Amino acid sequence: MGEKVNYLGGIFVSIAGAYFLFFLVCRKKTRNISVYAAFLVIFLACFVLLKYMCVNGAERFHLLFYGILSGVLFWALRIDVQNKLIYVYTTLLVCLVGAVDEFIQAILPMRCFDERDIVMNWFSGGLGMLFIAFVLKPVWDTAKGGKRVLP
């Protein structure tokens, strides 16, 4: 059973990668090669994290969950933060949530604290922010008061 769970992280990253590649090519019609280069680097970094940072299957979901959390926080904060500091604020919030999550696990009786999980959470949130900044590339819409929106 452990090996099947270990492959699920790679399967989820592959499915998400295929979806976003489809989004870039067919929906957004991106022609800029640097976007695809950033996509490839982030995609490969996800697999490196899965291979070398995760010991058991459950840890492989940190990449997915904290990557999604960074996206959700980004789109929630974009309403109030109208400059490029949104990337810093979002990354710090994801890191804080990951650290608090691990410290809570330290005091629970059937859970254990692992500093490697904190690092994995931070990397996952950072990769999520890099993905938004360099692949999705939200733009300033000055007609809406300078708020960031996806085209």
C-alpha atoms as a PDB file:
ATOM      1  CA  MET A   1       0.000   0.000   0.000  1.00  0.00           C
ATOM      2  CA  GLY A   2       2.855   2.430   0.787  1.00  0.00           C
ATOM      3  CA  GLU A   3       4.254   2.278  -2.745  1.00  0.00           C
ATOM      4  CA  LYS A   4       0.852   3.052  -4.259  1.00  0.00           C
ATOM      5  CA  VAL A   5       0.540   6.144  -2.079  1.00  0.00           C
ATOM      6  CA  ASN A   6       4.084   7.167  -3.019  1.00  0.00           C
ATOM      7  CA  TYR A   7       3.131   7.227  -6.694  1.00  0.00           C
ATOM      8  CA  LEU A   8      -0.006   9.288  -6.075  1.00  0.00           C
ATOM      9  CA  GLY A   9       2.004  12.464  -5.498  1.00  0.00           C
ATOM     10  CA  GLY A  10       3.693  12.072  -8.872  1.00  0.00           C
ATOM     11  CA  ILE A  11       0.381  11.257 -10.523  1.00  0.00           C
ATOM     12  CA  PHE A  12      -1.261  14.389  -9.074  1.00  0.00           C
ATOM     13  CA  VAL A  13       1.679  16.582 -10.130  1.00  0.00           C
ATOM     14  CA  SER A  14       1.542  15.060 -13.625  1.00  0.00           C
ATOM     15  CA  ILE A  15      -2.206  15.639 -13.966  1.00  0.00           C
ATOM     16  CA  ALA A  16      -1.918  19.214 -12.699  1.00  0.00           C
ATOM     17  CA  GLY A  17       1.053  19.795 -15.025  1.00  0.00           C
ATOM     18  CA  ALA A  18      -0.875  18.455 -18.030  1.00  0.00           C
ATOM     19  CA  TYR A  19      -3.868  20.651 -17.181  1.00  0.00           C
ATOM     20  CA  PHE A  20      -1.796  23.831 -16.814  1.00  0.00           C
ATOM     21  CA  LEU A  21       0.176  23.064 -19.972  1.00  0.00           C
ATOM     22  CA  PHE A  22      -3.149  22.708 -21.807  1.00  0.00           C
ATOM     23  CA  PHE A  23      -4.269  25.989 -20.208  1.00  0.00           C
ATOM     24  CA  LEU A  24      -1.118  27.792 -21.372  1.00  0.00           C
ATOM     25  CA  VAL A  25      -1.182  26.418 -24.916  1.00  0.00           C
ATOM     26  CA  CYS A  26      -4.880  26.288 -25.751  1.00  0.00           C
ATOM     27  CA  ARG A  27      -6.691  28.720 -23.488  1.00  0.00           C
ATOM     28  CA  LYS A  28      -4.157  31.450 -22.767  1.00  0.00           C
ATOM     29  CA  LYS A  29      -2.325  30.939 -26.086  1.00  0.00           C
ATOM     30  CA  THR A  30       1.016  31.846 -24.545  1.00  0.00           C
ATOM     31  CA  ARG A  31       3.809  32.372 -27.064  1.00  0.00           C
ATOM     32  CA  ASN A  32       6.541  33.493 -24.657  1.00  0.00           C
ATOM     33  CA  ILE A  33       9.187  30.761 -24.344  1.00  0.00           C
ATOM     34  CA  SER A  34      10.245  31.995 -20.879  1.00  0.00           C
ATOM     35  CA  VAL A  35       6.817  31.029 -19.522  1.00  0.00           C
ATOM     36  CA  TYR A  36       7.305  27.448 -20.725  1.00  0.00           C
ATOM     37  CA  ALA A  37      10.866  27.407 -19.362  1.00  0.00           C
ATOM     38  CA  ALA A  38       9.594  28.536 -15.940  1.00  0.00           C
ATOM     39  CA  PHE A  39       6.826  25.931 -16.146  1.00  0.00           C
ATOM     40  CA  LEU A  40       9.363  23.181 -16.867  1.00  0.00           C
ATOM     41  CA  VAL A  41      11.689  24.244 -14.030  1.00  0.00           C
ATOM     42  CA  ILE A  42       8.827  24.378 -11.504  1.00  0.00           C
ATOM     43  CA  PHE A  43       7.409  21.067 -12.763  1.00  0.00           C
ATOM     44  CA  LEU A  44      10.815  19.372 -12.394  1.00  0.00           C
ATOM     45  CA  ALA A  45      11.336  20.964  -8.963  1.00  0.00           C
ATOM     46  CA  CYS A  46       8.068  19.368  -7.840  1.00  0.00           C
ATOM     47  CA  PHE A  47       9.342  15.934  -8.830  1.00  0.00           C
ATOM     48  CA  VAL A  48      12.701  16.546  -7.134  1.00  0.00           C
ATOM     49  CA  LEU A  49      10.881  17.492  -3.921  1.00  0.00           C
ATOM     50  CA  LEU A  50       8.700  14.404  -4.186  1.00  0.00           C
ATOM     51  CA  LYS A  51      11.689  12.130  -4.709  1.00  0.00           C
ATOM     52  CA  TYR A  52      14.198  13.509  -2.200  1.00  0.00           C
ATOM     53  CA  MET A  53      12.216  15.300   0.509  1.00  0.00           C
ATOM     54  CA  CYS A  54       9.342  12.885   1.089  1.00  0.00           C
ATOM     55  CA  VAL A  55       9.903   9.758   3.141  1.00  0.00           C
ATOM     56  CA  ASN A  56       6.371   8.404   3.328  1.00  0.00           C
ATOM     57  CA  GLY A  57       3.313   8.675   1.138  1.00  0.00           C
ATOM     58  CA  ALA A  58       1.403  11.163   3.261  1.00  0.00           C
ATOM     59  CA  GLU A  59       4.214  13.720   2.950  1.00  0.00           C
ATOM     60  CA  ARG A  60       3.775  13.725  -0.815  1.00  0.00           C
ATOM     61  CA  PHE A  61       0.464  15.510  -0.451  1.00  0.00           C
ATOM     62  CA  HIS A  62       2.150  18.505   1.243  1.00  0.00           C
ATOM     63  CA  LEU A  63       3.312  19.640  -2.178  1.00  0.00           C
ATOM     64  CA  LEU A  64      -0.219  19.623  -3.530  1.00  0.00           C
ATOM     65  CA  PHE A  65      -1.967  21.082  -0.488  1.00  0.00           C
ATOM     66  CA  TYR A  66       0.451  23.922   0.223  1.00  0.00           C
ATOM     67  CA  GLY A  67       0.757  24.757  -3.469  1.00  0.00           C
ATOM     68  CA  ILE A  68      -3.027  25.099  -3.634  1.00  0.00           C
ATOM     69  CA  LEU A  69      -3.015  27.074  -0.372  1.00  0.00           C
ATOM     70  CA  SER A  70      -0.572  29.586  -1.861  1.00  0.00           C
ATOM     71  CA  GLY A  71      -2.888  30.074  -4.844  1.00  0.00           C
ATOM     72  CA  VAL A  72      -5.970  30.488  -2.664  1.00  0.00           C
ATOM     73  CA  LEU A  73      -4.220  32.998  -0.391  1.00  0.00           C
ATOM     74  CA  PHE A  74      -2.872  34.900  -3.394  1.00  0.00           C
ATOM     75  CA  TRP A  75      -6.317  35.346  -4.910  1.00  0.00           C
ATOM     76  CA  ALA A  76      -7.786  36.256  -1.524  1.00  0.00           C
ATOM     77  CA  LEU A  77      -5.080  38.858  -0.814  1.00  0.00           C
ATOM     78  CA  ARG A  78      -5.159  40.417  -4.274  1.00  0.00           C
ATOM     79  CA  ILE A  79      -8.284  42.297  -3.260  1.00  0.00           C
ATOM     80  CA  ASP A  80      -6.395  44.294  -0.603  1.00  0.00           C
ATOM     81  CA  VAL A  81      -2.728  44.132  -1.667  1.00  0.00           C
ATOM     82  CA  GLN A  82      -2.333  46.022  -4.918  1.00  0.00           C
ATOM     83  CA  ASN A  83       1.409  45.756  -5.513  1.00  0.00           C
ATOM     84  CA  LYS A  84       4.074  43.121  -5.932  1.00  0.00           C
ATOM     85  CA  LEU A  85       4.409  42.651  -2.171  1.00  0.00           C
ATOM     86  CA  ILE A  86       1.467  40.275  -2.506  1.00  0.00           C
ATOM     87  CA  TYR A  87       3.971  37.540  -3.416  1.00  0.00           C
ATOM     88  CA  VAL A  88       5.961  38.130  -0.226  1.00  0.00           C
ATOM     89  CA  TYR A  89       2.865  38.317   1.981  1.00  0.00           C
ATOM     90  CA  THR A  90       1.386  35.161   0.496  1.00  0.00           C
ATOM     91  CA  THR A  91       4.624  33.199   0.848  1.00  0.00           C
ATOM     92  CA  LEU A  92       5.026  34.319   4.458  1.00  0.00           C
ATOM     93  CA  LEU A  93       1.436  33.354   5.284  1.00  0.00           C
ATOM     94  CA  VAL A  94       1.868  29.904   3.731  1.00  0.00           C
ATOM     95  CA  CYS A  95       5.102  29.425   5.698  1.00  0.00           C
ATOM     96  CA  LEU A  96       3.359  30.516   8.892  1.00  0.00           C
ATOM     97  CA  VAL A  97       0.441  28.133   8.337  1.00  0.00           C
ATOM     98  CA  GLY A  98       2.881  25.271   7.633  1.00  0.00           C
ATOM     99  CA  ALA A  99       4.902  25.980  10.778  1.00  0.00           C
ATOM    100  CA  VAL A 100       1.809  26.309  12.975  1.00  0.00           C
ATOM    101  CA  ASP A 101       0.470  23.049  11.535  1.00  0.00           C
ATOM    102  CA  GLU A 102       3.655  21.219  12.491  1.00  0.00           C
ATOM    103  CA  PHE A 103       3.780  22.748  15.980  1.00  0.00           C
ATOM    104  CA  ILE A 104       0.187  21.652  16.565  1.00  0.00           C
ATOM    105  CA  GLN A 105       1.207  18.141  15.543  1.00  0.00           C
ATOM    106  CA  ALA A 106       3.997  18.288  18.126  1.00  0.00           C
ATOM    107  CA  ILE A 107       1.484  18.592  20.969  1.00  0.00           C
ATOM    108  CA  LEU A 108      -1.014  16.031  19.679  1.00  0.00           C
ATOM    109  CA  PRO A 109      -0.592  12.553  21.185  1.00  0.00           C
ATOM    110  CA  MET A 110      -0.661  10.415  18.000  1.00  0.00           C
ATOM    111  CA  ARG A 111       1.255  12.849  15.762  1.00  0.00           C
ATOM    112  CA  CYS A 112       4.913  13.786  15.549  1.00  0.00           C
ATOM    113  CA  PHE A 113       6.788  16.981  14.781  1.00  0.00           C
ATOM    114  CA  ASP A 114       9.158  16.867  11.817  1.00  0.00           C
ATOM    115  CA  GLU A 115      11.153  19.903  10.731  1.00  0.00           C
ATOM    116  CA  ARG A 116      11.453  18.352   7.262  1.00  0.00           C
ATOM    117  CA  ASP A 117       7.679  18.825   6.887  1.00  0.00           C
ATOM    118  CA  ILE A 118       8.052  22.538   7.644  1.00  0.00           C
ATOM    119  CA  VAL A 119      10.704  22.853   4.937  1.00  0.00           C
ATOM    120  CA  MET A 120       8.509  20.886   2.526  1.00  0.00           C
ATOM    121  CA  ASN A 121       5.560  23.179   3.283  1.00  0.00           C
ATOM    122  CA  TRP A 122       7.724  26.242   2.650  1.00  0.00           C
ATOM    123  CA  PHE A 123       9.067  24.891  -0.631  1.00  0.00           C
ATOM    124  CA  SER A 124       5.564  23.945  -1.742  1.00  0.00           C
ATOM    125  CA  GLY A 125       4.184  27.402  -1.008  1.00  0.00           C
ATOM    126  CA  GLY A 126       7.184  29.022  -2.680  1.00  0.00           C
ATOM    127  CA  LEU A 127       6.763  26.894  -5.793  1.00  0.00           C
ATOM    128  CA  GLY A 128       3.090  27.852  -5.866  1.00  0.00           C
ATOM    129  CA  MET A 129       4.033  31.530  -5.783  1.00  0.00           C
ATOM    130  CA  LEU A 130       6.706  31.076  -8.450  1.00  0.00           C
ATOM    131  CA  PHE A 131       4.130  29.323 -10.592  1.00  0.00           C
ATOM    132  CA  ILE A 132       1.691  32.203 -10.241  1.00  0.00           C
ATOM    133  CA  ALA A 133       4.366  34.869 -10.784  1.00  0.00           C
ATOM    134  CA  PHE A 134       6.227  33.367 -13.742  1.00  0.00           C
ATOM    135  CA  VAL A 135       3.763  31.009 -15.433  1.00  0.00           C
ATOM    136  CA  LEU A 136       0.264  32.394 -14.880  1.00  0.00           C
ATOM    137  CA  LYS A 137       1.622  35.975 -14.782  1.00  0.00           C
ATOM    138  CA  PRO A 138      -1.296  37.967 -13.410  1.00  0.00           C
ATOM    139  CA  VAL A 139      -1.339  41.485 -14.890  1.00  0.00           C
ATOM    140  CA  TRP A 140      -2.242  44.885 -13.506  1.00  0.00           C
ATOM    141  CA  ASP A 141      -5.654  46.036 -14.603  1.00  0.00           C
ATOM    142  CA  THR A 142      -5.547  49.787 -14.126  1.00  0.00           C
ATOM    143  CA  ALA A 143      -9.227  50.120 -15.015  1.00  0.00           C
ATOM    144  CA  LYS A 144     -10.069  48.185 -11.841  1.00  0.00           C
ATOM    145  CA  GLY A 145      -7.926  50.266  -9.501  1.00  0.00           C
ATOM    146  CA  GLY A 146      -4.649  48.442 -10.137  1.00  0.00           C
ATOM    147  CA  LYS A 147      -5.826  45.055  -8.919  1.00  0.00           C
ATOM    148  CA  ARG A 148      -4.233  41.918 -10.283  1.00  0.00           C
ATOM    149  CA  VAL A 149      -6.407  39.779 -12.499  1.00  0.00           C
ATOM    150  CA  LEU A 150      -5.785  36.865 -14.802  1.00  0.00           C
ATOM    151  CA  PRO A 151      -6.394  37.689 -18.453  1.00  0.00           C
END
